[in-house]
């Protein structure tokens, strides 16, 4: 377990080992969070780099995380996603979907079935409100607690729990509709 207070202090002192530990510990989580939002591995890599660049820049501006480093990094990632989505809406491009996980089986029917299921879930999640989508991805995609999600999104725990309930209810309806459409 990382002693976050000590790590934060060492990072504020620009200790290269502390900064490397922060990157090694949180970069995969931040990348996965961003990827779940935008589903483009190249943009997710770029945005992950942006998050850690902003972290380093914050050292010079003296507004580095006071405590709760993970929540602070997720907040930066969330803001980077919002900025990226706004930018992409102004400059629409056709997305090239690539899968990150290659299934162990080489059976084409397995691969196609898995991709279809992922696409159905992805499309259903995209139909949720932005707040519901953020809560669902952070709670279930990132396995964060409701208090952590509340801190990242700047909401109360009760609001996060309400968004989760409504988001899951909407997701059930959308997935049921999608399943009915396939039959």
C-alpha atoms as a PDB file:
ATOM      1  CA  UNK A   1       0.000   0.000   0.000  1.00  0.00           C
ATOM      2  CA  UNK A   2       1.307   3.422  -0.911  1.00  0.00           C
ATOM      3  CA  UNK A   3       1.777   6.020   1.821  1.00  0.00           C
ATOM      4  CA  UNK A   4       0.011   8.727  -0.146  1.00  0.00           C
ATOM      5  CA  UNK A   5       0.855  11.604   2.213  1.00  0.00           C
ATOM      6  CA  UNK A   6       4.581  10.835   2.008  1.00  0.00           C
ATOM      7  CA  UNK A   7       4.361  10.312  -1.747  1.00  0.00           C
ATOM      8  CA  UNK A   8       2.600  13.655  -2.215  1.00  0.00           C
ATOM      9  CA  UNK A   9       5.207  15.467  -0.125  1.00  0.00           C
ATOM     10  CA  UNK A  10       8.075  13.879  -2.050  1.00  0.00           C
ATOM     11  CA  UNK A  11       6.356  14.724  -5.349  1.00  0.00           C
ATOM     12  CA  UNK A  12       5.967  18.375  -4.265  1.00  0.00           C
ATOM     13  CA  UNK A  13       9.720  18.342  -3.693  1.00  0.00           C
ATOM     14  CA  UNK A  14      10.083  17.057  -7.278  1.00  0.00           C
ATOM     15  CA  UNK A  15      11.547  13.724  -6.221  1.00  0.00           C
ATOM     16  CA  UNK A  16      11.903  11.775  -9.506  1.00  0.00           C
ATOM     17  CA  UNK A  17      11.280   8.442  -7.754  1.00  0.00           C
ATOM     18  CA  UNK A  18       8.015   9.731  -6.258  1.00  0.00           C
ATOM     19  CA  UNK A  19       6.855  11.105  -9.605  1.00  0.00           C
ATOM     20  CA  UNK A  20       7.728   7.798 -11.279  1.00  0.00           C
ATOM     21  CA  UNK A  21       5.809   5.897  -8.598  1.00  0.00           C
ATOM     22  CA  UNK A  22       2.754   8.100  -9.158  1.00  0.00           C
ATOM     23  CA  UNK A  23       2.946   7.524 -12.897  1.00  0.00           C
ATOM     24  CA  UNK A  24       3.527   3.773 -12.611  1.00  0.00           C
ATOM     25  CA  UNK A  25       0.689   3.394 -10.112  1.00  0.00           C
ATOM     26  CA  UNK A  26      -1.967   5.578 -11.701  1.00  0.00           C
ATOM     27  CA  UNK A  27      -1.255   5.750 -15.451  1.00  0.00           C
ATOM     28  CA  UNK A  28      -2.856   2.369 -16.254  1.00  0.00           C
ATOM     29  CA  UNK A  29      -5.973   3.280 -14.252  1.00  0.00           C
ATOM     30  CA  UNK A  30      -6.258   6.710 -15.840  1.00  0.00           C
ATOM     31  CA  UNK A  31      -5.746   5.242 -19.318  1.00  0.00           C
ATOM     32  CA  UNK A  32      -8.480   2.632 -18.716  1.00  0.00           C
ATOM     33  CA  UNK A  33     -10.867   5.312 -17.430  1.00  0.00           C
ATOM     34  CA  UNK A  34     -10.267   7.528 -20.447  1.00  0.00           C
ATOM     35  CA  UNK A  35     -10.470   4.610 -22.872  1.00  0.00           C
ATOM     36  CA  UNK A  36     -13.839   3.564 -21.465  1.00  0.00           C
ATOM     37  CA  UNK A  37     -15.128   7.021 -22.289  1.00  0.00           C
ATOM     38  CA  UNK A  38     -13.740   7.518 -25.774  1.00  0.00           C
ATOM     39  CA  UNK A  39     -12.884   4.001 -27.041  1.00  0.00           C
ATOM     40  CA  UNK A  40      -9.950   5.197 -29.097  1.00  0.00           C
ATOM     41  CA  UNK A  41      -6.637   3.822 -27.833  1.00  0.00           C
ATOM     42  CA  UNK A  42      -4.519   6.516 -29.493  1.00  0.00           C
ATOM     43  CA  UNK A  43      -6.565   9.411 -28.121  1.00  0.00           C
ATOM     44  CA  UNK A  44      -6.675   7.664 -24.734  1.00  0.00           C
ATOM     45  CA  UNK A  45      -2.861   7.492 -24.715  1.00  0.00           C
ATOM     46  CA  UNK A  46      -2.643  11.166 -25.667  1.00  0.00           C
ATOM     47  CA  UNK A  47      -5.106  12.205 -22.979  1.00  0.00           C
ATOM     48  CA  UNK A  48      -3.341  10.080 -20.369  1.00  0.00           C
ATOM     49  CA  UNK A  49      -0.120  11.897 -21.241  1.00  0.00           C
ATOM     50  CA  UNK A  50      -1.989  15.192 -20.933  1.00  0.00           C
ATOM     51  CA  UNK A  51      -3.175  14.271 -17.431  1.00  0.00           C
ATOM     52  CA  UNK A  52       0.353  13.588 -16.224  1.00  0.00           C
ATOM     53  CA  UNK A  53       1.740  16.637 -18.002  1.00  0.00           C
ATOM     54  CA  UNK A  54      -0.858  18.752 -16.180  1.00  0.00           C
ATOM     55  CA  UNK A  55       0.170  17.041 -12.958  1.00  0.00           C
ATOM     56  CA  UNK A  56       3.781  18.121 -13.540  1.00  0.00           C
ATOM     57  CA  UNK A  57       2.724  21.641 -14.543  1.00  0.00           C
ATOM     58  CA  UNK A  58       0.724  21.922 -11.315  1.00  0.00           C
ATOM     59  CA  UNK A  59       3.968  21.522  -9.350  1.00  0.00           C
ATOM     60  CA  UNK A  60       5.205  24.800 -10.845  1.00  0.00           C
ATOM     61  CA  UNK A  61       1.900  26.555 -10.223  1.00  0.00           C
ATOM     62  CA  UNK A  62       1.804  25.323  -6.621  1.00  0.00           C
ATOM     63  CA  UNK A  63      -1.638  23.763  -7.055  1.00  0.00           C
ATOM     64  CA  UNK A  64      -0.576  20.138  -6.832  1.00  0.00           C
ATOM     65  CA  UNK A  65      -2.930  17.712  -5.080  1.00  0.00           C
ATOM     66  CA  UNK A  66      -3.329  18.548  -1.398  1.00  0.00           C
ATOM     67  CA  UNK A  67      -4.512  15.018  -0.549  1.00  0.00           C
ATOM     68  CA  UNK A  68      -6.479  12.246  -2.278  1.00  0.00           C
ATOM     69  CA  UNK A  69      -4.098  11.975  -5.216  1.00  0.00           C
ATOM     70  CA  UNK A  70      -6.176   9.374  -7.052  1.00  0.00           C
ATOM     71  CA  UNK A  71      -9.328  11.532  -6.973  1.00  0.00           C
ATOM     72  CA  UNK A  72      -7.335  14.569  -8.079  1.00  0.00           C
ATOM     73  CA  UNK A  73      -5.882  12.671 -11.062  1.00  0.00           C
ATOM     74  CA  UNK A  74      -9.314  11.321 -12.045  1.00  0.00           C
ATOM     75  CA  UNK A  75     -10.671  14.883 -11.895  1.00  0.00           C
ATOM     76  CA  UNK A  76      -7.938  16.036 -14.289  1.00  0.00           C
ATOM     77  CA  UNK A  77      -8.739  13.057 -16.535  1.00  0.00           C
ATOM     78  CA  UNK A  78     -12.446  13.873 -16.439  1.00  0.00           C
ATOM     79  CA  UNK A  79     -11.734  17.474 -17.457  1.00  0.00           C
ATOM     80  CA  UNK A  80      -9.404  16.273 -20.234  1.00  0.00           C
ATOM     81  CA  UNK A  81     -12.162  13.999 -21.570  1.00  0.00           C
ATOM     82  CA  UNK A  82     -14.698  16.844 -21.524  1.00  0.00           C
ATOM     83  CA  UNK A  83     -12.250  19.118 -23.359  1.00  0.00           C
ATOM     84  CA  UNK A  84     -11.460  16.390 -25.888  1.00  0.00           C
ATOM     85  CA  UNK A  85     -15.134  15.644 -26.552  1.00  0.00           C
ATOM     86  CA  UNK A  86     -15.801  19.347 -27.138  1.00  0.00           C
ATOM     87  CA  UNK A  87     -12.839  19.500 -29.499  1.00  0.00           C
ATOM     88  CA  UNK A  88     -13.963  16.367 -31.365  1.00  0.00           C
ATOM     89  CA  UNK A  89     -17.462  17.790 -31.765  1.00  0.00           C
ATOM     90  CA  UNK A  90     -15.996  20.873 -33.429  1.00  0.00           C
ATOM     91  CA  UNK A  91     -13.766  18.725 -35.645  1.00  0.00           C
ATOM     92  CA  UNK A  92     -15.702  15.523 -36.318  1.00  0.00           C
ATOM     93  CA  UNK A  93     -13.718  12.585 -37.566  1.00  0.00           C
ATOM     94  CA  UNK A  94     -14.596   9.011 -38.254  1.00  0.00           C
ATOM     95  CA  UNK A  95     -13.467   6.810 -35.367  1.00  0.00           C
ATOM     96  CA  UNK A  96     -11.443   3.701 -36.061  1.00  0.00           C
ATOM     97  CA  UNK A  97     -12.553   1.116 -33.530  1.00  0.00           C
ATOM     98  CA  UNK A  98      -9.836  -1.131 -32.265  1.00  0.00           C
ATOM     99  CA  UNK A  99     -10.233  -3.710 -29.560  1.00  0.00           C
ATOM    100  CA  UNK A 100      -7.729  -3.671 -26.731  1.00  0.00           C
ATOM    101  CA  UNK A 101      -8.240  -7.232 -25.595  1.00  0.00           C
ATOM    102  CA  UNK A 102      -7.602 -10.106 -27.950  1.00  0.00           C
ATOM    103  CA  UNK A 103      -9.619 -13.136 -26.853  1.00  0.00           C
ATOM    104  CA  UNK A 104      -7.642 -16.287 -26.179  1.00  0.00           C
ATOM    105  CA  UNK A 105      -9.760 -18.220 -28.641  1.00  0.00           C
ATOM    106  CA  UNK A 106      -9.157 -17.635 -32.323  1.00  0.00           C
ATOM    107  CA  UNK A 107     -12.661 -18.719 -33.225  1.00  0.00           C
ATOM    108  CA  UNK A 108     -14.157 -15.990 -35.458  1.00  0.00           C
ATOM    109  CA  UNK A 109     -17.668 -16.559 -34.083  1.00  0.00           C
ATOM    110  CA  UNK A 110     -16.385 -15.942 -30.545  1.00  0.00           C
ATOM    111  CA  UNK A 111     -14.646 -12.762 -31.630  1.00  0.00           C
ATOM    112  CA  UNK A 112     -17.671 -11.457 -33.554  1.00  0.00           C
ATOM    113  CA  UNK A 113     -20.063 -12.317 -30.712  1.00  0.00           C
ATOM    114  CA  UNK A 114     -17.886 -10.590 -28.142  1.00  0.00           C
ATOM    115  CA  UNK A 115     -17.540  -7.498 -30.319  1.00  0.00           C
ATOM    116  CA  UNK A 116     -21.296  -7.366 -30.881  1.00  0.00           C
ATOM    117  CA  UNK A 117     -21.972  -7.562 -27.136  1.00  0.00           C
ATOM    118  CA  UNK A 118     -19.399  -4.860 -26.398  1.00  0.00           C
ATOM    119  CA  UNK A 119     -20.898  -2.653 -29.099  1.00  0.00           C
ATOM    120  CA  UNK A 120     -24.431  -3.125 -27.726  1.00  0.00           C
ATOM    121  CA  UNK A 121     -23.303  -2.220 -24.187  1.00  0.00           C
ATOM    122  CA  UNK A 122     -21.229   0.711 -25.504  1.00  0.00           C
ATOM    123  CA  UNK A 123     -24.186   2.079 -27.487  1.00  0.00           C
ATOM    124  CA  UNK A 124     -26.486   1.702 -24.474  1.00  0.00           C
ATOM    125  CA  UNK A 125     -24.053   3.532 -22.196  1.00  0.00           C
ATOM    126  CA  UNK A 126     -23.746   6.344 -24.745  1.00  0.00           C
ATOM    127  CA  UNK A 127     -27.515   6.927 -24.477  1.00  0.00           C
ATOM    128  CA  UNK A 128     -27.293   7.689 -20.745  1.00  0.00           C
ATOM    129  CA  UNK A 129     -26.971  11.262 -19.532  1.00  0.00           C
ATOM    130  CA  UNK A 130     -23.380  12.466 -19.174  1.00  0.00           C
ATOM    131  CA  UNK A 131     -23.626  12.346 -15.374  1.00  0.00           C
ATOM    132  CA  UNK A 132     -25.078   8.821 -15.387  1.00  0.00           C
ATOM    133  CA  UNK A 133     -22.398   7.677 -17.840  1.00  0.00           C
ATOM    134  CA  UNK A 134     -19.610   9.136 -15.670  1.00  0.00           C
ATOM    135  CA  UNK A 135     -20.957   7.459 -12.529  1.00  0.00           C
ATOM    136  CA  UNK A 136     -21.450   4.065 -14.211  1.00  0.00           C
ATOM    137  CA  UNK A 137     -17.958   4.096 -15.742  1.00  0.00           C
ATOM    138  CA  UNK A 138     -16.250   5.206 -12.526  1.00  0.00           C
ATOM    139  CA  UNK A 139     -18.218   2.875 -10.241  1.00  0.00           C
ATOM    140  CA  UNK A 140     -18.153  -0.268 -12.378  1.00  0.00           C
ATOM    141  CA  UNK A 141     -15.435   0.284 -14.965  1.00  0.00           C
ATOM    142  CA  UNK A 142     -12.943   1.725 -12.495  1.00  0.00           C
ATOM    143  CA  UNK A 143     -14.290  -0.016  -9.353  1.00  0.00           C
ATOM    144  CA  UNK A 144     -14.285   3.201  -7.345  1.00  0.00           C
ATOM    145  CA  UNK A 145     -16.439   3.748  -4.270  1.00  0.00           C
ATOM    146  CA  UNK A 146     -19.340   6.181  -4.194  1.00  0.00           C
ATOM    147  CA  UNK A 147     -17.367   8.647  -2.008  1.00  0.00           C
ATOM    148  CA  UNK A 148     -14.447   8.561  -4.467  1.00  0.00           C
ATOM    149  CA  UNK A 149     -16.796   9.153  -7.412  1.00  0.00           C
ATOM    150  CA  UNK A 150     -18.500  11.985  -5.527  1.00  0.00           C
ATOM    151  CA  UNK A 151     -15.164  13.677  -4.954  1.00  0.00           C
ATOM    152  CA  UNK A 152     -14.059  13.247  -8.576  1.00  0.00           C
ATOM    153  CA  UNK A 153     -17.318  14.606 -10.001  1.00  0.00           C
ATOM    154  CA  UNK A 154     -17.820  17.276  -7.356  1.00  0.00           C
ATOM    155  CA  UNK A 155     -21.170  15.831  -6.264  1.00  0.00           C
ATOM    156  CA  UNK A 156     -22.595  14.504  -3.016  1.00  0.00           C
ATOM    157  CA  UNK A 157     -22.572  10.781  -2.303  1.00  0.00           C
ATOM    158  CA  UNK A 158     -26.371  10.813  -2.375  1.00  0.00           C
ATOM    159  CA  UNK A 159     -26.336  12.380  -5.841  1.00  0.00           C
ATOM    160  CA  UNK A 160     -23.860   9.741  -7.038  1.00  0.00           C
ATOM    161  CA  UNK A 161     -26.016   6.935  -5.648  1.00  0.00           C
ATOM    162  CA  UNK A 162     -29.140   8.431  -7.278  1.00  0.00           C
ATOM    163  CA  UNK A 163     -27.343   8.792 -10.611  1.00  0.00           C
ATOM    164  CA  UNK A 164     -26.149   5.200 -10.307  1.00  0.00           C
ATOM    165  CA  UNK A 165     -29.682   3.906  -9.631  1.00  0.00           C
ATOM    166  CA  UNK A 166     -31.198   5.862 -12.520  1.00  0.00           C
ATOM    167  CA  UNK A 167     -28.302   5.007 -14.822  1.00  0.00           C
ATOM    168  CA  UNK A 168     -28.569   1.279 -14.110  1.00  0.00           C
ATOM    169  CA  UNK A 169     -32.357   1.357 -14.539  1.00  0.00           C
ATOM    170  CA  UNK A 170     -31.967   3.152 -17.887  1.00  0.00           C
ATOM    171  CA  UNK A 171     -29.209   0.758 -18.908  1.00  0.00           C
ATOM    172  CA  UNK A 172     -31.448  -2.250 -18.155  1.00  0.00           C
ATOM    173  CA  UNK A 173     -34.218  -0.790 -20.332  1.00  0.00           C
ATOM    174  CA  UNK A 174     -31.826   0.032 -23.172  1.00  0.00           C
ATOM    175  CA  UNK A 175     -30.204  -3.413 -23.091  1.00  0.00           C
ATOM    176  CA  UNK A 176     -33.617  -5.116 -23.002  1.00  0.00           C
ATOM    177  CA  UNK A 177     -34.660  -3.059 -26.025  1.00  0.00           C
ATOM    178  CA  UNK A 178     -31.445  -3.929 -27.839  1.00  0.00           C
ATOM    179  CA  UNK A 179     -31.943  -7.627 -27.078  1.00  0.00           C
ATOM    180  CA  UNK A 180     -35.546  -7.478 -28.312  1.00  0.00           C
ATOM    181  CA  UNK A 181     -34.386  -5.765 -31.509  1.00  0.00           C
ATOM    182  CA  UNK A 182     -31.927  -8.590 -32.173  1.00  0.00           C
ATOM    183  CA  UNK A 183     -34.573 -11.286 -31.926  1.00  0.00           C
END
